[in-house]
Amino acid sequence: GNSRPGNAEYISYLVKPFALNPSMSILDFGCGLGGSTRTVAKDFDVYVAGYEPDRILAEAGKALSVKQGMDKKAAISHFDPKTTGLKAGQFDCVFCADKLHLIAGKQALLTSMEASLKTRGQITIVDTVLGKGVKADDARLTQLLGPASQEQAMFWSLTDYEKAFKDLKFDLRINEDITDRYRKLVTEAWDAFTKRPEGQAVSRAYPQ
C-alpha cells in the first residue's frame, strides 16, 4: 500500500512528534495508495483522512482501505489543491511527505494547511529540497521524473520553506536532514523487490 519510499516504522517515526492519541484527527496529504494513512490509523487508533492529488492513486487507495475494512478510520479521497481548499479548523495534525515538490502553488497550499489546523495544531512536511548552488530552473531537474510522467518537479530550497513557515507564524521546532535515512529506505526497498519472485519477473533494465 505504499506508493512512495517508506515502511511502517518510518511512518511512525514521522508522526512521533505529534504525540497522537485517539481523540485527534489527522490529515495525510499526498497519501498515494494510503499505506501511511492506514498505518497511522492502526498504530495510534486515530481517524486519518488521506488526501491525494492524483485521482488514479486516490481511487486505488480508497479501494485498498475498503478492502481492509478501514474506509472509516483511514478514508482516502481525491483532492485537487488547485480547485479546492481545506476546511478551517478541521485537523489536530497534518503531515505531508514527498508531495510538495510536485505542487506549483506551495505557498497557497501551506496557507490552507495552516488554516485547517485546530488551535495549537501541528504540521510535519517531508520534501526533497534544492541543494546548495542548485537553482529551481536547473535543466537536470526537469528530467528527474522521467519523460512518461505527467507531473513536473517544482522544488523549493530549505530557505524557501523556512520563510514560508515564518510568514505563517509557525513555531519551527524540528528541522532535520533525513537524506541518509531516506536513501537507505529506497535502496533496501529496491533490493527486497528484486529478490521477490514477482519482482524478478517484472524488473528489467531499459536503455536510455
N, C-alpha and C. Protein backbone atom coordinates (compact mmCIF):
# COMPACT_ATOMS: atom_id res chain seq x y z
N GLY A 1 0.78 -1.21 0.00
CA GLY A 1 0.00 0.00 0.00
C GLY A 1 0.82 1.28 0.00
N ASN A 2 2.14 1.15 -0.10
CA ASN A 2 2.98 2.35 -0.15
C ASN A 2 3.43 2.62 -1.57
N SER A 3 3.07 3.77 -2.10
CA SER A 3 3.48 4.16 -3.45
C SER A 3 4.64 5.14 -3.40
N ARG A 4 5.27 5.27 -2.24
CA ARG A 4 6.44 6.13 -2.08
C ARG A 4 7.38 5.43 -1.10
N PRO A 5 8.64 5.84 -1.03
CA PRO A 5 9.57 5.18 -0.12
C PRO A 5 9.11 5.26 1.33
N GLY A 6 9.35 4.18 2.06
CA GLY A 6 9.00 4.17 3.47
C GLY A 6 8.23 2.92 3.87
N ASN A 7 8.38 2.55 5.15
CA ASN A 7 7.66 1.40 5.70
C ASN A 7 6.93 1.88 6.96
N ALA A 8 6.30 0.96 7.66
CA ALA A 8 5.51 1.33 8.83
C ALA A 8 6.37 2.01 9.89
N GLU A 9 7.60 1.50 10.07
CA GLU A 9 8.50 2.09 11.07
C GLU A 9 8.82 3.54 10.73
N TYR A 10 9.06 3.80 9.45
CA TYR A 10 9.40 5.16 9.00
C TYR A 10 8.21 6.10 9.20
N ILE A 11 7.01 5.64 8.87
CA ILE A 11 5.82 6.47 9.02
C ILE A 11 5.59 6.81 10.50
N SER A 12 5.77 5.82 11.36
CA SER A 12 5.61 6.07 12.80
C SER A 12 6.64 7.08 13.29
N TYR A 13 7.84 7.01 12.74
CA TYR A 13 8.90 7.97 13.09
C TYR A 13 8.50 9.39 12.68
N LEU A 14 7.87 9.53 11.51
CA LEU A 14 7.48 10.86 11.03
C LEU A 14 6.41 11.51 11.91
N VAL A 15 5.49 10.70 12.43
CA VAL A 15 4.38 11.27 13.21
C VAL A 15 4.62 11.21 14.72
N LYS A 16 5.73 10.64 15.15
CA LYS A 16 6.01 10.53 16.59
C LYS A 16 5.97 11.87 17.30
N PRO A 17 6.51 12.96 16.73
CA PRO A 17 6.46 14.25 17.44
C PRO A 17 5.04 14.75 17.74
N PHE A 18 4.04 14.21 17.05
CA PHE A 18 2.67 14.64 17.28
C PHE A 18 2.11 14.17 18.63
N ALA A 19 2.70 13.11 19.20
CA ALA A 19 2.17 12.51 20.43
C ALA A 19 0.68 12.20 20.25
N LEU A 20 0.37 11.37 19.27
CA LEU A 20 -1.01 11.10 18.89
C LEU A 20 -1.78 10.34 19.96
N ASN A 21 -3.07 10.64 20.05
CA ASN A 21 -3.98 9.88 20.91
C ASN A 21 -5.32 9.76 20.18
N PRO A 22 -6.19 8.83 20.60
CA PRO A 22 -7.43 8.55 19.86
C PRO A 22 -8.40 9.71 19.71
N SER A 23 -8.21 10.79 20.45
CA SER A 23 -9.13 11.92 20.33
C SER A 23 -8.77 12.84 19.16
N MET A 24 -7.64 12.59 18.50
CA MET A 24 -7.12 13.51 17.50
C MET A 24 -7.54 13.10 16.09
N SER A 25 -7.63 14.09 15.21
CA SER A 25 -7.92 13.85 13.79
C SER A 25 -6.71 14.30 12.98
N ILE A 26 -6.36 13.50 11.97
CA ILE A 26 -5.11 13.69 11.24
C ILE A 26 -5.39 13.81 9.75
N LEU A 27 -4.61 14.66 9.07
CA LEU A 27 -4.62 14.73 7.61
C LEU A 27 -3.29 14.21 7.08
N ASP A 28 -3.37 13.22 6.19
CA ASP A 28 -2.20 12.73 5.47
C ASP A 28 -2.34 13.25 4.04
N PHE A 29 -1.65 14.35 3.74
CA PHE A 29 -1.79 14.97 2.42
C PHE A 29 -0.77 14.39 1.45
N GLY A 30 -1.26 13.96 0.27
CA GLY A 30 -0.39 13.30 -0.69
C GLY A 30 -0.14 11.87 -0.28
N CYS A 31 -1.21 11.20 0.11
CA CYS A 31 -1.08 9.87 0.74
C CYS A 31 -0.82 8.74 -0.25
N GLY A 32 -0.91 9.02 -1.56
CA GLY A 32 -0.68 7.96 -2.54
C GLY A 32 -1.72 6.86 -2.41
N LEU A 33 -1.24 5.64 -2.26
CA LEU A 33 -2.14 4.49 -2.10
C LEU A 33 -2.64 4.32 -0.67
N GLY A 34 -2.23 5.21 0.21
CA GLY A 34 -2.80 5.20 1.56
C GLY A 34 -2.12 4.29 2.56
N GLY A 35 -0.94 3.76 2.22
CA GLY A 35 -0.23 2.91 3.17
C GLY A 35 0.07 3.64 4.46
N SER A 36 0.51 4.89 4.35
CA SER A 36 0.82 5.68 5.54
C SER A 36 -0.45 6.02 6.32
N THR A 37 -1.53 6.31 5.61
CA THR A 37 -2.80 6.64 6.25
C THR A 37 -3.29 5.48 7.11
N ARG A 38 -3.26 4.28 6.55
CA ARG A 38 -3.72 3.10 7.28
C ARG A 38 -2.77 2.74 8.42
N THR A 39 -1.47 2.92 8.22
CA THR A 39 -0.50 2.64 9.28
C THR A 39 -0.76 3.50 10.50
N VAL A 40 -0.92 4.81 10.29
CA VAL A 40 -1.15 5.72 11.41
C VAL A 40 -2.48 5.41 12.10
N ALA A 41 -3.52 5.14 11.31
CA ALA A 41 -4.84 4.83 11.88
C ALA A 41 -4.77 3.59 12.76
N LYS A 42 -4.07 2.56 12.30
CA LYS A 42 -3.98 1.30 13.06
C LYS A 42 -3.07 1.44 14.27
N ASP A 43 -1.90 2.03 14.09
CA ASP A 43 -0.91 2.06 15.16
C ASP A 43 -1.30 3.00 16.31
N PHE A 44 -2.06 4.06 15.99
CA PHE A 44 -2.37 5.05 17.02
C PHE A 44 -3.87 5.15 17.32
N ASP A 45 -4.68 4.31 16.68
CA ASP A 45 -6.12 4.29 16.90
C ASP A 45 -6.73 5.68 16.74
N VAL A 46 -6.39 6.32 15.62
CA VAL A 46 -6.91 7.65 15.32
C VAL A 46 -7.61 7.63 13.97
N TYR A 47 -8.42 8.66 13.73
CA TYR A 47 -9.04 8.83 12.42
C TYR A 47 -8.11 9.65 11.54
N VAL A 48 -7.82 9.13 10.36
CA VAL A 48 -6.90 9.79 9.44
C VAL A 48 -7.60 9.98 8.10
N ALA A 49 -7.57 11.21 7.60
CA ALA A 49 -8.07 11.50 6.26
C ALA A 49 -6.89 11.53 5.30
N GLY A 50 -6.91 10.68 4.30
CA GLY A 50 -5.85 10.66 3.30
C GLY A 50 -6.30 11.40 2.05
N TYR A 51 -5.64 12.49 1.71
CA TYR A 51 -5.96 13.26 0.51
C TYR A 51 -4.84 13.07 -0.51
N GLU A 52 -5.23 12.77 -1.75
CA GLU A 52 -4.26 12.51 -2.80
C GLU A 52 -4.62 13.27 -4.08
N PRO A 53 -3.70 14.14 -4.59
CA PRO A 53 -3.99 14.90 -5.80
C PRO A 53 -4.12 14.06 -7.07
N ASP A 54 -3.47 12.90 -7.11
CA ASP A 54 -3.56 12.03 -8.28
C ASP A 54 -4.83 11.18 -8.17
N ARG A 55 -5.77 11.40 -9.08
CA ARG A 55 -7.07 10.74 -8.97
C ARG A 55 -6.96 9.21 -9.04
N ILE A 56 -6.09 8.69 -9.90
CA ILE A 56 -5.95 7.24 -10.05
C ILE A 56 -5.42 6.62 -8.76
N LEU A 57 -4.38 7.24 -8.17
CA LEU A 57 -3.86 6.74 -6.90
C LEU A 57 -4.92 6.82 -5.81
N ALA A 58 -5.66 7.92 -5.79
CA ALA A 58 -6.69 8.10 -4.76
C ALA A 58 -7.76 7.01 -4.85
N GLU A 59 -8.20 6.70 -6.05
CA GLU A 59 -9.23 5.68 -6.22
C GLU A 59 -8.71 4.30 -5.81
N ALA A 60 -7.45 4.01 -6.17
CA ALA A 60 -6.86 2.72 -5.79
C ALA A 60 -6.66 2.65 -4.28
N GLY A 61 -6.22 3.77 -3.68
CA GLY A 61 -6.03 3.80 -2.23
C GLY A 61 -7.34 3.63 -1.48
N LYS A 62 -8.39 4.25 -1.98
CA LYS A 62 -9.71 4.10 -1.36
C LYS A 62 -10.15 2.64 -1.41
N ALA A 63 -9.93 1.99 -2.55
CA ALA A 63 -10.31 0.58 -2.69
C ALA A 63 -9.55 -0.30 -1.70
N LEU A 64 -8.27 0.02 -1.46
CA LEU A 64 -7.47 -0.75 -0.50
C LEU A 64 -7.99 -0.56 0.91
N SER A 65 -8.37 0.68 1.27
CA SER A 65 -8.93 0.91 2.60
C SER A 65 -10.25 0.17 2.78
N VAL A 66 -11.09 0.17 1.76
CA VAL A 66 -12.35 -0.55 1.82
C VAL A 66 -12.09 -2.05 1.97
N LYS A 67 -11.15 -2.56 1.19
CA LYS A 67 -10.82 -3.99 1.22
C LYS A 67 -10.35 -4.42 2.61
N GLN A 68 -9.63 -3.52 3.30
CA GLN A 68 -9.09 -3.85 4.62
C GLN A 68 -10.04 -3.44 5.74
N GLY A 69 -11.25 -3.00 5.38
CA GLY A 69 -12.22 -2.62 6.39
C GLY A 69 -11.84 -1.35 7.14
N MET A 70 -11.09 -0.47 6.47
CA MET A 70 -10.60 0.74 7.13
C MET A 70 -11.10 2.01 6.43
N ASP A 71 -12.19 1.89 5.70
CA ASP A 71 -12.68 3.04 4.93
C ASP A 71 -13.22 4.16 5.82
N LYS A 72 -13.45 3.89 7.10
CA LYS A 72 -13.91 4.94 8.02
C LYS A 72 -12.71 5.60 8.72
N LYS A 73 -11.82 4.78 9.28
CA LYS A 73 -10.70 5.33 10.05
C LYS A 73 -9.55 5.77 9.16
N ALA A 74 -9.50 5.29 7.93
CA ALA A 74 -8.43 5.68 7.00
C ALA A 74 -9.05 5.94 5.64
N ALA A 75 -9.87 6.98 5.58
CA ALA A 75 -10.61 7.30 4.36
C ALA A 75 -9.70 8.02 3.36
N ILE A 76 -9.64 7.52 2.14
CA ILE A 76 -8.81 8.10 1.09
C ILE A 76 -9.71 8.84 0.11
N SER A 77 -9.34 10.07 -0.22
CA SER A 77 -10.13 10.88 -1.14
C SER A 77 -9.23 11.59 -2.14
N HIS A 78 -9.78 11.85 -3.33
CA HIS A 78 -9.07 12.69 -4.29
C HIS A 78 -9.24 14.15 -3.86
N PHE A 79 -8.15 14.91 -3.96
CA PHE A 79 -8.18 16.32 -3.56
C PHE A 79 -7.29 17.11 -4.50
N ASP A 80 -7.88 18.06 -5.20
CA ASP A 80 -7.11 18.89 -6.12
C ASP A 80 -6.85 20.24 -5.46
N PRO A 81 -5.59 20.51 -5.06
CA PRO A 81 -5.30 21.77 -4.36
C PRO A 81 -5.49 23.00 -5.23
N LYS A 82 -5.57 22.83 -6.55
CA LYS A 82 -5.77 23.97 -7.45
C LYS A 82 -7.21 24.45 -7.45
N THR A 83 -8.13 23.58 -7.07
CA THR A 83 -9.55 23.94 -7.15
C THR A 83 -10.29 23.87 -5.82
N THR A 84 -9.68 23.25 -4.82
CA THR A 84 -10.37 23.03 -3.54
C THR A 84 -9.48 23.44 -2.38
N GLY A 85 -10.08 24.08 -1.37
CA GLY A 85 -9.35 24.42 -0.16
C GLY A 85 -9.69 23.46 0.96
N LEU A 86 -8.87 23.49 1.99
CA LEU A 86 -9.12 22.65 3.16
C LEU A 86 -10.06 23.37 4.12
N LYS A 87 -10.91 22.61 4.80
CA LYS A 87 -11.85 23.19 5.75
C LYS A 87 -11.10 23.71 6.97
N ALA A 88 -11.44 24.91 7.41
CA ALA A 88 -10.75 25.55 8.52
C ALA A 88 -11.00 24.81 9.84
N GLY A 89 -9.95 24.71 10.66
CA GLY A 89 -10.07 24.15 12.00
C GLY A 89 -10.50 22.70 12.05
N GLN A 90 -10.10 21.91 11.06
CA GLN A 90 -10.60 20.54 10.96
C GLN A 90 -9.68 19.52 11.61
N PHE A 91 -8.36 19.75 11.59
CA PHE A 91 -7.40 18.72 11.98
C PHE A 91 -6.52 19.15 13.15
N ASP A 92 -6.15 18.15 13.96
CA ASP A 92 -5.16 18.39 15.01
C ASP A 92 -3.75 18.37 14.44
N CYS A 93 -3.54 17.52 13.44
CA CYS A 93 -2.21 17.36 12.87
C CYS A 93 -2.30 17.16 11.36
N VAL A 94 -1.31 17.68 10.65
CA VAL A 94 -1.18 17.48 9.21
C VAL A 94 0.22 16.99 8.92
N PHE A 95 0.32 15.93 8.12
CA PHE A 95 1.65 15.58 7.63
C PHE A 95 1.59 15.34 6.13
N CYS A 96 2.68 15.71 5.48
CA CYS A 96 2.76 15.65 4.03
C CYS A 96 4.16 15.20 3.66
N ALA A 97 4.28 14.05 3.03
CA ALA A 97 5.59 13.50 2.68
C ALA A 97 5.70 13.29 1.17
N ASP A 98 6.80 13.77 0.60
CA ASP A 98 7.14 13.50 -0.81
C ASP A 98 6.10 13.99 -1.80
N LYS A 99 5.48 15.11 -1.54
CA LYS A 99 4.45 15.58 -2.46
C LYS A 99 4.61 17.05 -2.84
N LEU A 100 5.08 17.88 -1.94
CA LEU A 100 5.05 19.32 -2.20
C LEU A 100 5.93 19.75 -3.37
N HIS A 101 6.99 19.00 -3.67
CA HIS A 101 7.83 19.40 -4.81
C HIS A 101 7.10 19.22 -6.14
N LEU A 102 5.91 18.61 -6.11
CA LEU A 102 5.09 18.47 -7.32
C LEU A 102 3.94 19.48 -7.35
N ILE A 103 3.86 20.32 -6.33
CA ILE A 103 2.78 21.30 -6.23
C ILE A 103 3.31 22.69 -6.60
N ALA A 104 2.71 23.31 -7.60
CA ALA A 104 3.17 24.64 -8.03
C ALA A 104 2.81 25.70 -7.00
N GLY A 105 1.59 25.68 -6.49
CA GLY A 105 1.14 26.70 -5.55
C GLY A 105 1.41 26.31 -4.11
N LYS A 106 2.68 26.10 -3.78
CA LYS A 106 3.01 25.63 -2.44
C LYS A 106 2.60 26.61 -1.35
N GLN A 107 2.84 27.89 -1.56
CA GLN A 107 2.51 28.86 -0.53
C GLN A 107 1.01 28.85 -0.23
N ALA A 108 0.19 28.80 -1.28
CA ALA A 108 -1.26 28.77 -1.08
C ALA A 108 -1.68 27.50 -0.36
N LEU A 109 -1.05 26.37 -0.71
CA LEU A 109 -1.41 25.10 -0.07
C LEU A 109 -1.00 25.11 1.40
N LEU A 110 0.20 25.61 1.70
CA LEU A 110 0.64 25.68 3.09
C LEU A 110 -0.26 26.60 3.90
N THR A 111 -0.71 27.68 3.29
CA THR A 111 -1.64 28.59 3.96
C THR A 111 -2.95 27.87 4.27
N SER A 112 -3.42 27.07 3.31
CA SER A 112 -4.65 26.29 3.51
C SER A 112 -4.46 25.25 4.60
N MET A 113 -3.28 24.60 4.63
CA MET A 113 -2.98 23.62 5.67
C MET A 113 -2.98 24.27 7.05
N GLU A 114 -2.37 25.45 7.13
CA GLU A 114 -2.32 26.16 8.41
C GLU A 114 -3.74 26.48 8.90
N ALA A 115 -4.58 26.92 7.97
CA ALA A 115 -5.96 27.26 8.34
C ALA A 115 -6.76 26.03 8.75
N SER A 116 -6.38 24.86 8.23
CA SER A 116 -7.12 23.63 8.54
C SER A 116 -6.80 23.09 9.93
N LEU A 117 -5.75 23.63 10.57
CA LEU A 117 -5.35 23.14 11.88
C LEU A 117 -6.21 23.75 12.99
N LYS A 118 -6.48 22.95 14.00
CA LYS A 118 -7.10 23.46 15.21
C LYS A 118 -6.08 24.28 16.01
N THR A 119 -6.54 24.94 17.05
CA THR A 119 -5.64 25.70 17.91
C THR A 119 -4.53 24.79 18.45
N ARG A 120 -3.29 25.27 18.36
CA ARG A 120 -2.10 24.50 18.78
C ARG A 120 -1.92 23.24 17.95
N GLY A 121 -2.41 23.26 16.72
CA GLY A 121 -2.21 22.14 15.82
C GLY A 121 -0.75 22.02 15.39
N GLN A 122 -0.44 20.86 14.80
CA GLN A 122 0.94 20.57 14.42
C GLN A 122 1.01 20.14 12.96
N ILE A 123 2.15 20.40 12.33
CA ILE A 123 2.33 20.03 10.92
C ILE A 123 3.74 19.50 10.70
N THR A 124 3.85 18.46 9.90
CA THR A 124 5.14 17.92 9.50
C THR A 124 5.20 17.85 7.99
N ILE A 125 6.26 18.42 7.42
CA ILE A 125 6.50 18.38 5.99
C ILE A 125 7.79 17.64 5.72
N VAL A 126 7.75 16.66 4.84
CA VAL A 126 8.95 15.98 4.37
C VAL A 126 9.03 16.17 2.87
N ASP A 127 10.12 16.74 2.40
CA ASP A 127 10.21 17.00 0.97
C ASP A 127 11.66 17.02 0.51
N THR A 128 11.85 16.82 -0.77
CA THR A 128 13.16 16.97 -1.39
C THR A 128 13.36 18.44 -1.72
N VAL A 129 14.48 19.00 -1.27
CA VAL A 129 14.72 20.44 -1.46
C VAL A 129 15.96 20.66 -2.32
N LEU A 130 16.09 21.86 -2.83
CA LEU A 130 17.24 22.24 -3.65
C LEU A 130 18.50 22.27 -2.79
N GLY A 131 19.57 21.64 -3.31
CA GLY A 131 20.84 21.68 -2.61
C GLY A 131 21.53 23.01 -2.83
N LYS A 132 22.61 23.22 -2.12
CA LYS A 132 23.36 24.47 -2.24
C LYS A 132 23.88 24.63 -3.68
N GLY A 133 23.65 25.79 -4.25
CA GLY A 133 24.14 26.07 -5.59
C GLY A 133 23.25 25.55 -6.71
N VAL A 134 22.16 24.85 -6.36
CA VAL A 134 21.24 24.33 -7.38
C VAL A 134 20.04 25.25 -7.47
N LYS A 135 19.75 25.73 -8.67
CA LYS A 135 18.62 26.64 -8.87
C LYS A 135 17.39 25.87 -9.34
N ALA A 136 16.24 26.44 -9.11
CA ALA A 136 14.97 25.77 -9.44
C ALA A 136 14.83 25.48 -10.92
N ASP A 137 15.51 26.28 -11.78
CA ASP A 137 15.40 26.07 -13.23
C ASP A 137 16.54 25.24 -13.78
N ASP A 138 17.28 24.55 -12.91
CA ASP A 138 18.36 23.68 -13.36
C ASP A 138 17.81 22.63 -14.33
N ALA A 139 18.43 22.50 -15.51
CA ALA A 139 17.93 21.59 -16.54
C ALA A 139 17.87 20.14 -16.06
N ARG A 140 18.74 19.76 -15.14
CA ARG A 140 18.75 18.38 -14.65
C ARG A 140 17.46 18.03 -13.91
N LEU A 141 16.86 19.02 -13.28
CA LEU A 141 15.65 18.75 -12.51
C LEU A 141 14.45 18.44 -13.39
N THR A 142 14.44 18.98 -14.60
CA THR A 142 13.32 18.72 -15.50
C THR A 142 13.28 17.26 -15.95
N GLN A 143 14.41 16.57 -15.83
CA GLN A 143 14.48 15.17 -16.23
C GLN A 143 14.23 14.21 -15.07
N LEU A 144 14.04 14.76 -13.87
CA LEU A 144 14.02 13.93 -12.68
C LEU A 144 12.91 12.90 -12.67
N LEU A 145 11.73 13.28 -13.11
CA LEU A 145 10.57 12.39 -13.03
C LEU A 145 10.42 11.48 -14.24
N GLY A 146 11.24 11.71 -15.27
CA GLY A 146 11.17 10.84 -16.44
C GLY A 146 10.21 11.35 -17.48
N PRO A 147 10.43 10.99 -18.75
CA PRO A 147 9.60 11.52 -19.84
C PRO A 147 8.16 11.07 -19.82
N ALA A 148 7.86 9.95 -19.15
CA ALA A 148 6.49 9.43 -19.16
C ALA A 148 5.59 10.11 -18.12
N SER A 149 6.21 10.85 -17.18
CA SER A 149 5.42 11.44 -16.10
C SER A 149 4.62 12.63 -16.60
N GLN A 150 3.41 12.78 -16.06
CA GLN A 150 2.56 13.92 -16.36
C GLN A 150 2.82 15.05 -15.36
N GLU A 151 3.68 14.79 -14.36
CA GLU A 151 3.95 15.78 -13.34
C GLU A 151 5.24 16.52 -13.63
N GLN A 152 5.45 17.62 -12.95
CA GLN A 152 6.64 18.42 -13.10
C GLN A 152 7.18 18.75 -11.72
N ALA A 153 8.48 18.57 -11.56
CA ALA A 153 9.09 18.86 -10.26
C ALA A 153 9.27 20.36 -10.10
N MET A 154 8.85 20.89 -8.97
CA MET A 154 8.95 22.32 -8.67
C MET A 154 9.51 22.48 -7.26
N PHE A 155 10.84 22.42 -7.17
CA PHE A 155 11.48 22.37 -5.86
C PHE A 155 11.64 23.74 -5.23
N TRP A 156 11.58 23.76 -3.90
CA TRP A 156 11.97 24.90 -3.09
C TRP A 156 13.29 24.57 -2.41
N SER A 157 13.95 25.60 -1.95
CA SER A 157 15.13 25.41 -1.10
C SER A 157 14.67 25.34 0.35
N LEU A 158 15.57 24.94 1.23
CA LEU A 158 15.26 24.92 2.66
C LEU A 158 14.91 26.33 3.14
N THR A 159 15.62 27.33 2.60
CA THR A 159 15.35 28.72 2.96
C THR A 159 13.94 29.13 2.57
N ASP A 160 13.48 28.67 1.40
CA ASP A 160 12.12 28.96 0.95
C ASP A 160 11.09 28.44 1.96
N TYR A 161 11.32 27.20 2.41
CA TYR A 161 10.39 26.62 3.38
C TYR A 161 10.43 27.37 4.71
N GLU A 162 11.63 27.69 5.15
CA GLU A 162 11.75 28.40 6.43
C GLU A 162 11.03 29.75 6.37
N LYS A 163 11.16 30.44 5.25
CA LYS A 163 10.47 31.73 5.09
C LYS A 163 8.96 31.54 5.09
N ALA A 164 8.49 30.51 4.37
CA ALA A 164 7.05 30.24 4.32
C ALA A 164 6.50 29.94 5.71
N PHE A 165 7.23 29.14 6.48
CA PHE A 165 6.78 28.82 7.84
C PHE A 165 6.77 30.06 8.73
N LYS A 166 7.79 30.90 8.56
CA LYS A 166 7.85 32.14 9.34
C LYS A 166 6.68 33.06 8.99
N ASP A 167 6.38 33.17 7.69
CA ASP A 167 5.26 34.01 7.26
C ASP A 167 3.93 33.53 7.83
N LEU A 168 3.82 32.21 8.00
CA LEU A 168 2.60 31.64 8.55
C LEU A 168 2.60 31.60 10.07
N LYS A 169 3.70 32.12 10.67
CA LYS A 169 3.86 32.18 12.12
C LYS A 169 3.89 30.80 12.76
N PHE A 170 4.45 29.82 12.04
CA PHE A 170 4.69 28.50 12.62
C PHE A 170 5.87 28.58 13.58
N ASP A 171 5.79 27.81 14.64
CA ASP A 171 6.92 27.64 15.55
C ASP A 171 7.71 26.43 15.06
N LEU A 172 8.81 26.67 14.34
CA LEU A 172 9.58 25.58 13.73
C LEU A 172 10.45 24.92 14.79
N ARG A 173 10.04 23.73 15.22
CA ARG A 173 10.74 23.08 16.33
C ARG A 173 11.73 22.02 15.88
N ILE A 174 11.45 21.37 14.77
CA ILE A 174 12.35 20.32 14.27
C ILE A 174 12.68 20.63 12.82
N ASN A 175 13.96 20.69 12.51
CA ASN A 175 14.41 20.94 11.14
C ASN A 175 15.54 19.95 10.87
N GLU A 176 15.20 18.82 10.27
CA GLU A 176 16.14 17.69 10.21
C GLU A 176 16.39 17.25 8.77
N ASP A 177 17.65 17.00 8.47
CA ASP A 177 18.03 16.44 7.18
C ASP A 177 18.02 14.92 7.31
N ILE A 178 17.06 14.26 6.63
CA ILE A 178 16.94 12.79 6.75
C ILE A 178 17.37 12.10 5.45
N THR A 179 18.24 12.76 4.68
CA THR A 179 18.66 12.22 3.39
C THR A 179 19.22 10.80 3.52
N ASP A 180 20.11 10.58 4.47
CA ASP A 180 20.73 9.26 4.60
C ASP A 180 19.71 8.19 4.93
N ARG A 181 18.79 8.50 5.83
CA ARG A 181 17.74 7.54 6.19
C ARG A 181 16.85 7.26 5.00
N TYR A 182 16.51 8.29 4.25
CA TYR A 182 15.63 8.15 3.09
C TYR A 182 16.30 7.32 2.00
N ARG A 183 17.57 7.61 1.73
CA ARG A 183 18.31 6.85 0.71
C ARG A 183 18.36 5.37 1.08
N LYS A 184 18.55 5.07 2.36
CA LYS A 184 18.59 3.69 2.82
C LYS A 184 17.24 3.00 2.58
N LEU A 185 16.15 3.71 2.83
CA LEU A 185 14.82 3.15 2.58
C LEU A 185 14.65 2.79 1.11
N VAL A 186 15.10 3.68 0.23
CA VAL A 186 14.96 3.46 -1.21
C VAL A 186 15.77 2.24 -1.65
N THR A 187 17.05 2.19 -1.28
CA THR A 187 17.91 1.10 -1.74
C THR A 187 17.47 -0.25 -1.15
N GLU A 188 17.06 -0.26 0.10
CA GLU A 188 16.60 -1.51 0.72
C GLU A 188 15.32 -2.01 0.06
N ALA A 189 14.42 -1.07 -0.29
CA ALA A 189 13.16 -1.47 -0.92
C ALA A 189 13.40 -2.05 -2.31
N TRP A 190 14.27 -1.42 -3.10
CA TRP A 190 14.59 -1.97 -4.43
C TRP A 190 15.25 -3.33 -4.30
N ASP A 191 16.13 -3.49 -3.33
CA ASP A 191 16.80 -4.77 -3.13
C ASP A 191 15.80 -5.86 -2.78
N ALA A 192 14.86 -5.55 -1.87
CA ALA A 192 13.84 -6.52 -1.49
C ALA A 192 12.93 -6.86 -2.66
N PHE A 193 12.61 -5.85 -3.47
CA PHE A 193 11.73 -6.06 -4.62
C PHE A 193 12.34 -7.02 -5.63
N THR A 194 13.61 -6.86 -5.94
CA THR A 194 14.25 -7.71 -6.95
C THR A 194 14.45 -9.14 -6.46
N LYS A 195 14.37 -9.35 -5.15
CA LYS A 195 14.55 -10.70 -4.61
C LYS A 195 13.24 -11.47 -4.52
N ARG A 196 12.11 -10.80 -4.77
CA ARG A 196 10.82 -11.49 -4.77
C ARG A 196 10.57 -12.10 -6.13
N PRO A 197 9.93 -13.27 -6.19
CA PRO A 197 9.66 -13.91 -7.49
C PRO A 197 8.94 -12.99 -8.46
N GLU A 198 7.93 -12.27 -7.98
CA GLU A 198 7.20 -11.37 -8.87
C GLU A 198 8.06 -10.18 -9.27
N GLY A 199 8.98 -9.79 -8.39
CA GLY A 199 9.89 -8.70 -8.72
C GLY A 199 10.84 -9.10 -9.82
N GLN A 200 11.35 -10.31 -9.75
CA GLN A 200 12.27 -10.80 -10.78
C GLN A 200 11.58 -10.88 -12.13
N ALA A 201 10.27 -11.11 -12.10
CA ALA A 201 9.54 -11.27 -13.36
C ALA A 201 9.32 -9.94 -14.08
N VAL A 202 9.30 -8.83 -13.33
CA VAL A 202 8.97 -7.56 -13.97
C VAL A 202 10.12 -6.56 -13.93
N SER A 203 11.19 -6.88 -13.24
CA SER A 203 12.31 -5.94 -13.11
C SER A 203 13.25 -6.13 -14.29
N ARG A 204 13.36 -5.08 -15.11
CA ARG A 204 14.22 -5.16 -16.29
C ARG A 204 15.01 -3.86 -16.43
N ALA A 205 16.11 -3.94 -17.16
CA ALA A 205 16.88 -2.74 -17.46
C ALA A 205 16.47 -2.22 -18.81
N TYR A 206 16.23 -0.92 -18.89
CA TYR A 206 15.84 -0.30 -20.14
C TYR A 206 16.89 0.71 -20.60
N PRO A 207 17.27 0.70 -21.87
CA PRO A 207 18.25 1.69 -22.36
C PRO A 207 17.65 3.08 -22.35
N GLN A 208 18.50 4.07 -22.05
CA GLN A 208 18.05 5.46 -22.04
C GLN A 208 18.36 6.12 -23.39
